[in-house]
Protein backbone atom coordinates (compact mmCIF):
# COMPACT_ATOMS: atom_id res chain seq x y z
CA MET A 1 194.61 144.76 313.84
CA ALA A 2 197.81 145.30 315.78
CA ALA A 3 200.87 143.52 314.52
CA ARG A 4 202.23 140.85 316.79
CA GLN A 5 205.41 141.96 318.50
CA GLU A 6 208.37 139.66 318.05
CA PRO A 7 210.52 139.00 321.11
CA GLN A 8 213.28 141.57 321.42
CA VAL A 9 216.80 140.34 320.81
CA GLY A 10 218.56 140.30 324.12
CA ALA A 11 215.29 140.49 326.10
CA PRO A 12 215.75 139.03 329.60
CA ALA A 13 214.73 135.41 330.05
CA THR A 14 211.72 134.84 332.29
CA PRO A 15 212.97 134.06 335.81
CA GLU A 16 211.94 130.67 337.15
CA GLU A 17 210.39 132.21 340.28
CA PHE A 18 208.14 134.41 338.14
CA ARG A 19 207.15 131.50 335.89
CA LEU A 20 206.15 129.49 338.97
CA ALA A 21 204.24 132.46 340.40
CA VAL A 22 202.24 132.79 337.17
CA GLU A 23 201.41 129.08 337.32
CA GLN A 24 200.12 129.64 340.86
CA MET A 25 197.97 132.56 339.63
CA ARG A 26 196.39 130.30 337.03
CA ALA A 27 195.83 127.51 339.56
CA ALA A 28 193.99 129.68 342.11
CA ARG A 29 190.54 128.34 343.03
CA LEU A 30 187.79 130.94 342.77
CA ARG A 31 184.07 130.80 343.45
CA PRO A 32 181.83 129.61 340.58
CA GLU A 33 180.23 133.07 340.36
CA ILE A 34 183.57 134.40 339.10
CA PHE A 35 184.51 134.20 335.44
CA CYS A 36 188.27 134.77 335.29
CA GLU A 37 190.61 134.99 332.32
CA GLU A 38 194.07 136.22 331.49
CA MET A 39 194.48 139.72 330.13
CA PRO A 40 197.42 141.75 328.78
CA ALA A 41 199.58 143.02 331.62
CA PRO A 42 201.15 146.48 331.77
CA GLN A 43 204.68 146.31 330.42
CA ARG A 44 206.33 149.47 331.76
CA ILE A 45 205.85 149.14 335.51
CA ALA A 46 208.14 146.16 336.07
CA PRO A 47 210.38 143.91 333.95
CA PHE A 48 207.87 141.04 334.25
CA ALA A 49 204.10 141.14 334.69
CA SER A 50 201.04 138.90 334.39
CA ALA A 51 197.37 139.81 334.83
CA LEU A 52 193.92 138.34 335.32
CA SER A 53 190.52 139.97 334.88
CA ALA A 54 187.27 138.78 336.40
CA ASP A 55 183.53 139.37 336.38
CA VAL A 56 181.19 138.33 339.17
CA THR A 57 177.86 137.12 337.76
CA VAL A 58 174.70 136.27 339.68
CA ASP A 59 171.60 135.00 337.84
CA GLY A 60 173.02 136.24 334.55
CA ASP A 61 173.76 139.76 335.82
CA ASP A 62 177.27 141.15 336.19
CA VAL A 63 177.43 142.51 339.74
CA GLY A 64 181.15 143.11 340.05
CA THR A 65 184.35 143.28 338.08
CA GLY A 66 188.06 143.48 338.77
CA ARG A 67 191.60 142.64 337.82
CA ILE A 68 194.82 141.65 339.51
CA VAL A 69 198.33 142.22 338.19
CA LEU A 70 201.42 140.43 339.43
CA LEU A 71 204.60 142.46 338.97
CA HIS A 72 208.13 141.12 339.34
CA ASP A 73 211.43 142.95 339.44
CA PRO A 74 214.32 140.55 340.14
CA ALA A 75 216.43 143.50 341.29
CA GLY A 76 213.89 144.36 343.95
CA ASN A 77 212.07 147.61 344.59
CA ASP A 78 212.50 149.66 347.77
CA ALA A 79 208.86 150.81 347.74
CA TRP A 80 207.67 147.22 347.42
CA GLU A 81 209.99 145.86 350.12
CA GLY A 82 210.48 142.82 347.88
CA THR A 83 210.72 141.56 344.30
CA PHE A 84 206.98 140.90 343.71
CA ARG A 85 203.97 143.21 343.91
CA CYS A 86 200.23 142.56 343.56
CA VAL A 87 198.13 145.38 342.13
CA ALA A 88 194.38 144.80 342.40
CA TYR A 89 191.16 146.52 341.42
CA ALA A 90 187.58 145.69 342.35
CA ARG A 91 184.36 147.48 341.42
CA ALA A 92 180.80 146.63 342.39
CA GLU A 93 177.34 148.13 342.39
CA ILE A 94 176.13 149.00 345.88
CA GLU A 95 172.87 150.28 347.33
CA PRO A 96 172.78 154.10 347.01
CA GLU A 97 172.19 154.41 350.76
CA MET A 98 175.51 152.68 351.42
CA ALA A 99 177.38 155.44 349.58
CA ASN A 100 176.34 157.87 352.35
CA ASP A 101 177.96 155.76 355.07
CA PRO A 102 181.04 157.67 356.32
CA LEU A 103 182.65 154.37 357.33
CA LEU A 104 182.26 152.72 353.91
CA GLY A 105 185.87 153.45 352.93
CA GLU A 106 187.25 151.79 356.05
CA VAL A 107 184.87 148.86 355.62
CA GLY A 108 185.88 148.43 351.96
CA TRP A 109 189.56 148.38 352.90
CA SER A 110 188.87 145.85 355.68
CA TRP A 111 187.27 143.54 353.08
CA LEU A 112 190.67 143.32 351.39
CA THR A 113 192.77 142.83 354.51
CA ASP A 114 190.27 140.35 355.99
CA ALA A 115 190.27 138.35 352.74
CA LEU A 116 194.07 138.22 352.68
CA GLU A 117 194.20 137.08 356.28
CA ALA A 118 191.42 134.51 355.78
CA HIS A 119 193.39 132.91 352.95
CA GLY A 120 196.66 132.92 354.87
CA ALA A 121 198.10 135.38 352.34
CA GLU A 122 200.84 137.20 354.21
CA PHE A 123 201.68 140.64 352.85
CA ALA A 124 203.78 143.74 353.38
CA ALA A 125 203.68 147.42 352.40
CA PRO A 126 199.94 147.64 351.59
CA SER A 127 198.54 150.79 350.02
CA GLY A 128 195.37 151.77 348.22
CA THR A 129 192.18 153.77 347.94
CA VAL A 130 188.48 153.13 348.34
CA THR A 131 186.22 155.31 346.18
CA LYS A 132 182.45 155.57 346.32
CA VAL A 133 180.54 157.11 343.42
CA SER A 134 176.82 157.89 343.49
CA SER A 135 174.66 159.18 340.65
CA GLU A 136 171.22 160.79 340.62
CA SER A 137 169.23 161.60 337.49
CA PHE A 138 167.31 164.81 336.78
CA GLY A 139 165.18 166.42 334.09
CA SER A 140 164.07 164.03 331.39
CA MET A 141 166.04 161.27 333.17
CA ALA A 142 164.42 161.88 336.56
CA ASP A 143 162.58 158.54 336.42
CA GLU A 144 165.85 156.59 336.54
CA ASP A 145 166.85 155.15 339.88
CA ALA A 146 169.86 156.45 341.76
CA THR A 147 172.94 154.26 341.43
CA ALA A 148 176.16 153.86 343.38
CA GLN A 149 179.44 152.03 342.91
CA LEU A 150 182.34 151.14 345.14
CA GLU A 151 185.88 150.92 343.75
CA ILE A 152 188.82 149.45 345.63
CA ARG A 153 192.33 149.93 344.26
CA ALA A 154 195.14 148.35 346.22
CA SER A 155 198.66 147.04 346.02
CA TRP A 156 200.71 144.94 348.39
CA THR A 157 203.84 142.83 348.47
CA PRO A 158 202.89 139.15 348.56
CA VAL A 159 204.64 136.76 350.92
CA GLY A 160 204.18 133.06 350.28
CA PRO A 161 202.17 131.32 347.54
CA ILE A 162 200.67 133.67 344.95
CA ALA A 163 197.53 131.51 344.64
CA ASP A 164 196.53 132.57 348.18
CA HIS A 165 196.63 136.23 347.11
CA VAL A 166 194.61 135.62 343.95
CA GLU A 167 192.00 133.70 345.94
CA ALA A 168 191.82 136.57 348.46
CA TRP A 169 191.27 139.01 345.57
CA GLY A 170 188.45 136.76 344.34
CA GLU A 171 186.87 136.88 347.78
CA LEU A 172 187.19 140.68 347.79
CA LEU A 173 185.29 140.82 344.49
CA CYS A 174 182.47 138.68 345.87
CA THR A 175 182.25 140.56 349.16
CA ALA A 176 182.11 143.92 347.39
CA ALA A 177 179.38 142.55 345.12
CA GLY A 178 177.32 141.53 348.16
CA LEU A 179 177.65 137.75 347.88
CA PRO A 180 177.43 135.87 351.18
CA PRO A 181 180.66 134.21 352.32
CA VAL A 182 181.27 130.53 351.60
CA PRO A 183 180.57 128.59 354.83
CA GLU A 184 183.69 127.54 356.72
CA GLY A 185 184.84 124.07 355.72
CA VAL A 186 183.18 124.26 352.30
CA ALA A 187 185.62 124.41 349.39
CA PRO A 188 184.64 126.66 346.48
CA MET A 189 184.04 124.97 343.15
CA PRO A 190 186.42 125.97 340.35
CA SER A 191 185.54 129.19 338.55
CA ARG A 192 184.35 129.20 334.95
CA ARG A 193 187.69 129.85 333.32
CA GLY A 194 187.56 129.79 329.56
CA GLN A 195 183.80 129.42 329.14
CA ARG A 196 183.58 132.70 327.23
CA GLY A 197 186.34 131.79 324.84
CA PRO A 198 190.08 131.23 325.02
CA ALA A 199 191.98 133.06 327.73
């Protein structure tokens, strides 16, 4: 078991704007198919960081997974064009035939940008990749079905409330996993935070 690290003497105090942003992350409303919990954030990318992980479950099956990290550097970062940065990851099983679609990368990226726009989450300096992986089995494993996965890795500089960006990430997870969109005017029920144990 790893020893608990004591706070470093002289470590910078948590800025109020980052504390409020983390509260917004925790308050984001996600669809009930999403189980979301806090996870350890990377410590070397920025002075302050917070992270969430999520699984998308339908009828007891995990159909997608992802994480989002909020980074904060009070001194700013030229590459970010701001003091905050969202770093997101989403992975989902897809039909093997979809992996052959030459436009799948562009479509996967549009799922992210469309989700951000739909939630009113303004952003700057977006970057990322969309990766499709397909697997076929041979020999003694030839009876196994072909499988395929889609992975979206992205980062962007959030403008406005952080909750909007987390909710857009949640929508990205559900879209990648093939869930139909929530009808317009229908508010999603809160996600199942904490049902698998303490965050």
